[in-house]
C-alpha cells in the first residue's frame, strides 16, 4: 500500500497537481526534490505562515506557498536582469535641474575620413 500511495503522489506531481497544500517535511521533500535535511536551513529564507508553519510542535510546508514564493523570486531576478528594477538606482536629488538649450543650435555633422584603412601584418 505505501508503494501505491507514493506512486500516486509521483503521478500527481508529474501532472503538476498536489493532493494537499500543507504537508510534512518528508512529503514536501518528495514533491519539491529538496532534500529533507536542507529544509531547516532553507526555511529561514521562506516567509513563515506562507511557505512553512509550526503547528502543535510539527513543521508543515505549503506547496502552494512555495510555488508562489518561487514565482516571486523568479520575477525579481527577471526584473533585475532586464533593468526594470530601477528603484535602487533612482536619483535622490529632490530639485530638478533645468537644462538650457538653444532651439536654434543643432548638432553639426562631422566629416569622416574617406581614406581606406590600412592593415599591416605583424
N, C-alpha and C. Protein backbone atom coordinates (compact mmCIF):
# COMPACT_ATOMS: atom_id res chain seq x y z
N UNK A 1 0.80 -1.21 0.00
CA UNK A 1 0.00 0.00 0.00
C UNK A 1 0.85 1.28 0.00
N UNK A 2 1.96 1.35 0.79
CA UNK A 2 2.77 2.56 0.76
C UNK A 2 3.35 2.84 -0.62
N UNK A 3 3.70 1.79 -1.37
CA UNK A 3 4.24 1.99 -2.71
C UNK A 3 3.19 2.56 -3.64
N UNK A 4 1.93 2.14 -3.49
CA UNK A 4 0.85 2.67 -4.31
C UNK A 4 0.62 4.15 -4.03
N UNK A 5 0.61 4.53 -2.76
CA UNK A 5 0.39 5.94 -2.43
C UNK A 5 1.56 6.80 -2.92
N UNK A 6 2.77 6.28 -2.83
CA UNK A 6 3.93 7.02 -3.34
C UNK A 6 3.84 7.16 -4.86
N UNK A 7 3.39 6.11 -5.54
CA UNK A 7 3.23 6.16 -6.99
C UNK A 7 2.16 7.17 -7.39
N UNK A 8 1.09 7.23 -6.61
CA UNK A 8 0.02 8.20 -6.88
C UNK A 8 0.55 9.62 -6.70
N UNK A 9 1.29 9.84 -5.62
CA UNK A 9 1.85 11.17 -5.37
C UNK A 9 2.80 11.56 -6.49
N UNK A 10 3.63 10.62 -6.94
CA UNK A 10 4.56 10.91 -8.04
C UNK A 10 3.81 11.23 -9.33
N UNK A 11 2.74 10.49 -9.61
CA UNK A 11 1.94 10.75 -10.80
C UNK A 11 1.29 12.13 -10.73
N UNK A 12 0.72 12.47 -9.58
CA UNK A 12 0.13 13.80 -9.40
C UNK A 12 1.18 14.89 -9.54
N UNK A 13 2.36 14.64 -9.00
CA UNK A 13 3.45 15.61 -9.10
C UNK A 13 3.86 15.83 -10.55
N UNK A 14 3.92 14.77 -11.34
CA UNK A 14 4.27 14.90 -12.75
C UNK A 14 3.22 15.69 -13.51
N UNK A 15 1.99 15.60 -13.07
CA UNK A 15 0.90 16.33 -13.72
C UNK A 15 0.80 17.77 -13.20
N UNK A 16 1.62 18.11 -12.20
CA UNK A 16 1.58 19.45 -11.64
C UNK A 16 0.51 19.62 -10.58
N UNK A 17 0.00 18.55 -10.07
CA UNK A 17 -1.05 18.60 -9.06
C UNK A 17 -0.52 18.09 -7.73
N UNK A 18 -1.06 18.60 -6.65
CA UNK A 18 -0.71 18.10 -5.32
C UNK A 18 -2.00 17.74 -4.60
N UNK A 19 -2.01 16.62 -3.90
CA UNK A 19 -3.23 16.21 -3.21
C UNK A 19 -3.58 17.10 -2.02
N UNK A 20 -2.60 17.68 -1.39
CA UNK A 20 -2.80 18.55 -0.23
C UNK A 20 -1.93 19.78 -0.40
N UNK A 21 -2.27 20.82 0.33
CA UNK A 21 -1.41 22.00 0.30
C UNK A 21 -0.35 21.92 1.39
N UNK A 22 -0.77 21.76 2.63
CA UNK A 22 0.17 21.70 3.75
C UNK A 22 0.55 20.25 4.01
N UNK A 23 1.86 19.99 3.90
CA UNK A 23 2.36 18.62 4.07
C UNK A 23 3.54 18.64 5.03
N UNK A 24 3.91 17.47 5.53
CA UNK A 24 5.06 17.39 6.42
C UNK A 24 6.36 17.45 5.60
N UNK A 25 7.49 17.49 6.30
CA UNK A 25 8.79 17.68 5.64
C UNK A 25 9.09 16.56 4.66
N UNK A 26 8.74 15.34 5.02
CA UNK A 26 9.04 14.19 4.15
C UNK A 26 8.30 14.32 2.82
N UNK A 27 7.01 14.62 2.87
CA UNK A 27 6.22 14.76 1.65
C UNK A 27 6.65 15.99 0.85
N UNK A 28 6.96 17.08 1.55
CA UNK A 28 7.41 18.29 0.87
C UNK A 28 8.71 18.03 0.11
N UNK A 29 9.63 17.31 0.76
CA UNK A 29 10.90 16.97 0.12
C UNK A 29 10.66 16.09 -1.10
N UNK A 30 9.72 15.14 -0.99
CA UNK A 30 9.42 14.27 -2.12
C UNK A 30 8.80 15.04 -3.28
N UNK A 31 7.96 16.01 -2.97
CA UNK A 31 7.27 16.76 -4.02
C UNK A 31 8.14 17.82 -4.68
N UNK A 32 9.05 18.42 -3.92
CA UNK A 32 9.87 19.51 -4.46
C UNK A 32 11.25 19.06 -4.92
N UNK A 33 11.71 17.94 -4.41
CA UNK A 33 13.05 17.49 -4.76
C UNK A 33 14.13 18.08 -3.88
N UNK A 34 13.73 18.85 -2.87
CA UNK A 34 14.69 19.41 -1.92
C UNK A 34 14.93 18.38 -0.83
N UNK A 35 16.18 18.10 -0.54
CA UNK A 35 16.50 17.10 0.49
C UNK A 35 15.89 17.52 1.83
N UNK A 36 15.33 16.55 2.53
CA UNK A 36 14.67 16.82 3.80
C UNK A 36 15.62 17.48 4.80
N UNK A 37 16.90 17.11 4.76
CA UNK A 37 17.88 17.68 5.68
C UNK A 37 18.11 19.17 5.41
N UNK A 38 17.86 19.63 4.19
CA UNK A 38 18.09 21.04 3.83
C UNK A 38 16.91 21.94 4.15
N UNK A 39 15.77 21.37 4.47
CA UNK A 39 14.57 22.18 4.70
C UNK A 39 14.72 23.13 5.88
N UNK A 40 15.35 22.68 6.96
CA UNK A 40 15.52 23.54 8.14
C UNK A 40 16.31 24.79 7.79
N UNK A 41 17.36 24.62 7.02
CA UNK A 41 18.18 25.77 6.61
C UNK A 41 17.43 26.66 5.61
N UNK A 42 16.75 26.03 4.66
CA UNK A 42 16.06 26.79 3.61
C UNK A 42 14.87 27.58 4.15
N UNK A 43 14.21 27.07 5.19
CA UNK A 43 13.01 27.76 5.67
C UNK A 43 13.33 29.12 6.26
N UNK A 44 14.61 29.38 6.56
CA UNK A 44 14.99 30.72 7.05
C UNK A 44 14.75 31.78 5.98
N UNK A 45 14.83 31.38 4.72
CA UNK A 45 14.62 32.31 3.60
C UNK A 45 13.13 32.48 3.27
N UNK A 46 12.32 31.51 3.66
CA UNK A 46 10.92 31.50 3.27
C UNK A 46 10.05 32.20 4.30
N UNK A 47 9.01 32.88 3.87
CA UNK A 47 8.11 33.56 4.82
C UNK A 47 7.28 32.56 5.63
N UNK A 48 7.28 32.80 6.93
CA UNK A 48 6.51 31.95 7.82
C UNK A 48 5.02 32.16 7.57
N UNK A 49 4.25 31.11 7.74
CA UNK A 49 2.81 31.07 7.51
C UNK A 49 2.42 31.26 6.05
N UNK A 50 3.40 31.31 5.16
CA UNK A 50 3.15 31.31 3.73
C UNK A 50 3.72 30.04 3.12
N UNK A 51 5.01 29.79 3.39
CA UNK A 51 5.66 28.59 2.88
C UNK A 51 5.75 27.53 3.97
N UNK A 52 5.93 27.95 5.21
CA UNK A 52 6.04 26.97 6.30
C UNK A 52 5.36 27.51 7.55
N UNK A 53 4.97 26.58 8.41
CA UNK A 53 4.39 26.99 9.70
C UNK A 53 4.64 25.87 10.71
N UNK A 54 4.62 26.27 11.95
CA UNK A 54 4.77 25.31 13.04
C UNK A 54 3.42 25.21 13.73
N UNK A 55 2.90 23.99 13.79
CA UNK A 55 1.60 23.74 14.39
C UNK A 55 1.71 22.55 15.32
N UNK A 56 1.40 22.75 16.59
CA UNK A 56 1.45 21.69 17.60
C UNK A 56 2.80 21.00 17.65
N UNK A 57 3.85 21.77 17.51
CA UNK A 57 5.20 21.24 17.58
C UNK A 57 5.70 20.59 16.30
N UNK A 58 4.89 20.56 15.26
CA UNK A 58 5.28 19.96 13.98
C UNK A 58 5.44 21.04 12.92
N UNK A 59 6.37 20.81 12.00
CA UNK A 59 6.56 21.73 10.88
C UNK A 59 5.77 21.23 9.68
N UNK A 60 5.08 22.16 9.03
CA UNK A 60 4.34 21.86 7.82
C UNK A 60 4.75 22.85 6.74
N UNK A 61 4.74 22.38 5.51
CA UNK A 61 5.16 23.20 4.38
C UNK A 61 4.01 23.27 3.38
N UNK A 62 3.83 24.44 2.78
CA UNK A 62 2.77 24.67 1.81
C UNK A 62 3.34 24.59 0.40
N UNK A 63 2.80 23.69 -0.39
CA UNK A 63 3.21 23.58 -1.79
C UNK A 63 2.79 24.84 -2.54
N UNK A 64 1.58 25.28 -2.31
CA UNK A 64 1.07 26.48 -2.98
C UNK A 64 1.90 27.71 -2.58
N UNK A 65 2.20 27.84 -1.29
CA UNK A 65 3.00 28.97 -0.82
C UNK A 65 4.41 28.93 -1.37
N UNK A 66 4.99 27.74 -1.47
CA UNK A 66 6.33 27.59 -2.03
C UNK A 66 6.34 27.99 -3.51
N UNK A 67 5.34 27.52 -4.27
CA UNK A 67 5.26 27.90 -5.68
C UNK A 67 5.09 29.40 -5.85
N UNK A 68 4.28 30.01 -4.99
CA UNK A 68 4.08 31.46 -5.05
C UNK A 68 5.39 32.19 -4.75
N UNK A 69 6.11 31.74 -3.72
CA UNK A 69 7.37 32.37 -3.35
C UNK A 69 8.39 32.22 -4.48
N UNK A 70 8.48 31.03 -5.07
CA UNK A 70 9.42 30.80 -6.17
C UNK A 70 9.09 31.68 -7.37
N UNK A 71 7.82 31.85 -7.67
CA UNK A 71 7.40 32.71 -8.77
C UNK A 71 7.80 34.15 -8.51
N UNK A 72 7.62 34.62 -7.28
CA UNK A 72 8.02 35.98 -6.92
C UNK A 72 9.53 36.16 -7.05
N UNK A 73 10.30 35.17 -6.62
CA UNK A 73 11.76 35.25 -6.72
C UNK A 73 12.20 35.28 -8.18
N UNK A 74 11.56 34.49 -9.01
CA UNK A 74 11.89 34.48 -10.44
C UNK A 74 11.56 35.83 -11.06
N UNK A 75 10.44 36.43 -10.66
CA UNK A 75 10.06 37.74 -11.18
C UNK A 75 11.07 38.81 -10.76
N UNK A 76 11.51 38.75 -9.52
CA UNK A 76 12.51 39.72 -9.04
C UNK A 76 13.80 39.59 -9.83
N UNK A 77 14.27 38.35 -10.03
CA UNK A 77 15.50 38.13 -10.80
C UNK A 77 15.36 38.59 -12.24
N UNK A 78 14.21 38.35 -12.82
CA UNK A 78 13.96 38.76 -14.20
C UNK A 78 13.96 40.28 -14.32
N UNK A 79 13.32 40.95 -13.36
CA UNK A 79 13.27 42.42 -13.39
C UNK A 79 14.66 43.02 -13.23
N UNK A 80 15.47 42.43 -12.35
CA UNK A 80 16.83 42.92 -12.17
C UNK A 80 17.66 42.70 -13.41
N UNK A 81 17.52 41.54 -14.02
CA UNK A 81 18.31 41.21 -15.21
C UNK A 81 17.93 42.08 -16.40
N UNK A 82 16.66 42.44 -16.50
CA UNK A 82 16.22 43.24 -17.64
C UNK A 82 16.32 44.73 -17.39
N UNK A 83 16.73 45.14 -16.20
CA UNK A 83 16.88 46.56 -15.90
C UNK A 83 15.58 47.23 -15.52
N UNK A 84 14.52 46.48 -15.32
CA UNK A 84 13.24 47.08 -14.95
C UNK A 84 13.19 47.48 -13.49
N UNK A 85 14.11 46.96 -12.70
CA UNK A 85 14.14 47.27 -11.27
C UNK A 85 15.01 48.51 -11.06
N UNK A 86 14.44 49.65 -11.29
CA UNK A 86 15.18 50.91 -11.22
C UNK A 86 15.03 51.63 -9.88
N UNK A 87 14.27 51.05 -8.97
CA UNK A 87 14.05 51.71 -7.68
C UNK A 87 15.36 51.95 -6.94
N UNK A 88 16.28 51.00 -7.03
CA UNK A 88 17.54 51.12 -6.31
C UNK A 88 18.45 52.16 -6.94
N UNK A 89 18.23 52.48 -8.21
CA UNK A 89 19.14 53.40 -8.88
C UNK A 89 18.53 54.78 -9.13
N UNK A 90 17.38 55.06 -8.53
CA UNK A 90 16.77 56.36 -8.70
C UNK A 90 17.59 57.45 -8.02
N UNK A 91 17.56 58.62 -8.59
CA UNK A 91 18.27 59.76 -8.02
C UNK A 91 17.57 60.23 -6.76
N UNK A 92 18.35 60.61 -5.78
CA UNK A 92 17.78 61.14 -4.54
C UNK A 92 17.74 62.66 -4.56
N UNK A 93 18.17 63.26 -5.64
CA UNK A 93 18.15 64.70 -5.78
C UNK A 93 16.71 65.17 -5.91
N UNK A 94 16.27 66.03 -4.99
CA UNK A 94 14.87 66.43 -5.00
C UNK A 94 14.59 67.54 -6.00
N UNK A 95 15.54 68.42 -6.22
CA UNK A 95 15.33 69.52 -7.15
C UNK A 95 15.65 69.07 -8.57
N UNK A 96 14.83 69.51 -9.49
CA UNK A 96 15.09 69.19 -10.89
C UNK A 96 15.97 70.28 -11.50
N UNK A 97 16.89 69.84 -12.31
CA UNK A 97 17.77 70.79 -12.97
C UNK A 97 17.16 71.19 -14.30
N UNK A 98 17.19 72.46 -14.57
CA UNK A 98 16.72 72.94 -15.87
C UNK A 98 17.90 73.00 -16.81
N UNK A 99 17.79 72.29 -17.89
CA UNK A 99 18.85 72.30 -18.88
C UNK A 99 18.45 73.30 -19.94
N UNK A 100 19.32 74.28 -20.15
CA UNK A 100 19.03 75.34 -21.12
C UNK A 100 19.66 74.95 -22.45
N UNK A 101 18.83 74.85 -23.43
CA UNK A 101 19.30 74.55 -24.76
C UNK A 101 18.71 75.57 -25.72
N UNK A 102 19.53 75.99 -26.63
CA UNK A 102 19.05 76.92 -27.62
C UNK A 102 18.30 76.14 -28.69
N UNK A 103 17.18 76.62 -29.08
CA UNK A 103 16.41 75.90 -30.10
C UNK A 103 16.96 76.16 -31.49
N UNK A 104 17.93 77.13 -31.60
CA UNK A 104 18.49 77.46 -32.90
C UNK A 104 19.77 76.70 -33.19
N UNK A 105 20.29 76.04 -32.20
CA UNK A 105 21.55 75.33 -32.42
C UNK A 105 21.27 73.85 -32.58
N UNK A 106 21.75 73.31 -33.63
CA UNK A 106 21.63 71.88 -33.84
C UNK A 106 23.04 71.32 -33.99
N UNK A 107 23.17 70.07 -33.78
CA UNK A 107 24.49 69.47 -33.89
C UNK A 107 24.92 69.47 -35.35
N UNK A 108 26.16 69.79 -35.57
CA UNK A 108 26.67 69.75 -36.93
C UNK A 108 27.26 68.38 -37.20
N UNK A 109 27.20 68.00 -38.44
CA UNK A 109 27.74 66.71 -38.83
C UNK A 109 29.25 66.83 -39.00
N UNK A 110 29.95 65.84 -38.59
CA UNK A 110 31.40 65.81 -38.74
C UNK A 110 31.76 64.96 -39.95
N UNK A 111 32.74 65.44 -40.68
CA UNK A 111 33.20 64.67 -41.81
C UNK A 111 34.12 63.56 -41.33
N UNK A 112 33.95 62.44 -41.95
CA UNK A 112 34.76 61.29 -41.61
C UNK A 112 35.74 61.08 -42.75
N UNK A 113 36.94 60.70 -42.41
CA UNK A 113 37.96 60.48 -43.41
C UNK A 113 37.52 59.38 -44.36
N UNK A 114 37.75 59.58 -45.63
CA UNK A 114 37.41 58.59 -46.63
C UNK A 114 38.62 57.79 -47.06
N UNK A 115 39.73 57.99 -46.37
CA UNK A 115 40.93 57.22 -46.70
C UNK A 115 40.73 55.76 -46.32
N UNK A 116 41.18 54.85 -47.19
CA UNK A 116 41.00 53.44 -46.85
C UNK A 116 41.84 53.06 -45.64
N UNK A 117 41.33 52.14 -44.89
CA UNK A 117 42.01 51.64 -43.71
C UNK A 117 43.10 50.68 -44.14
N UNK A 118 44.30 50.86 -43.61
CA UNK A 118 45.43 50.02 -43.99
C UNK A 118 45.79 49.12 -42.84
N UNK A 119 45.78 47.85 -43.11
CA UNK A 119 46.12 46.86 -42.09
C UNK A 119 47.50 46.30 -42.41
N UNK A 120 48.36 46.34 -41.43
CA UNK A 120 49.71 45.80 -41.60
C UNK A 120 49.83 44.49 -40.86
N UNK A 121 50.48 43.55 -41.49
CA UNK A 121 50.71 42.26 -40.83
C UNK A 121 51.86 42.40 -39.87
N UNK A 122 51.72 41.76 -38.74
CA UNK A 122 52.77 41.84 -37.71
C UNK A 122 53.71 40.68 -37.86
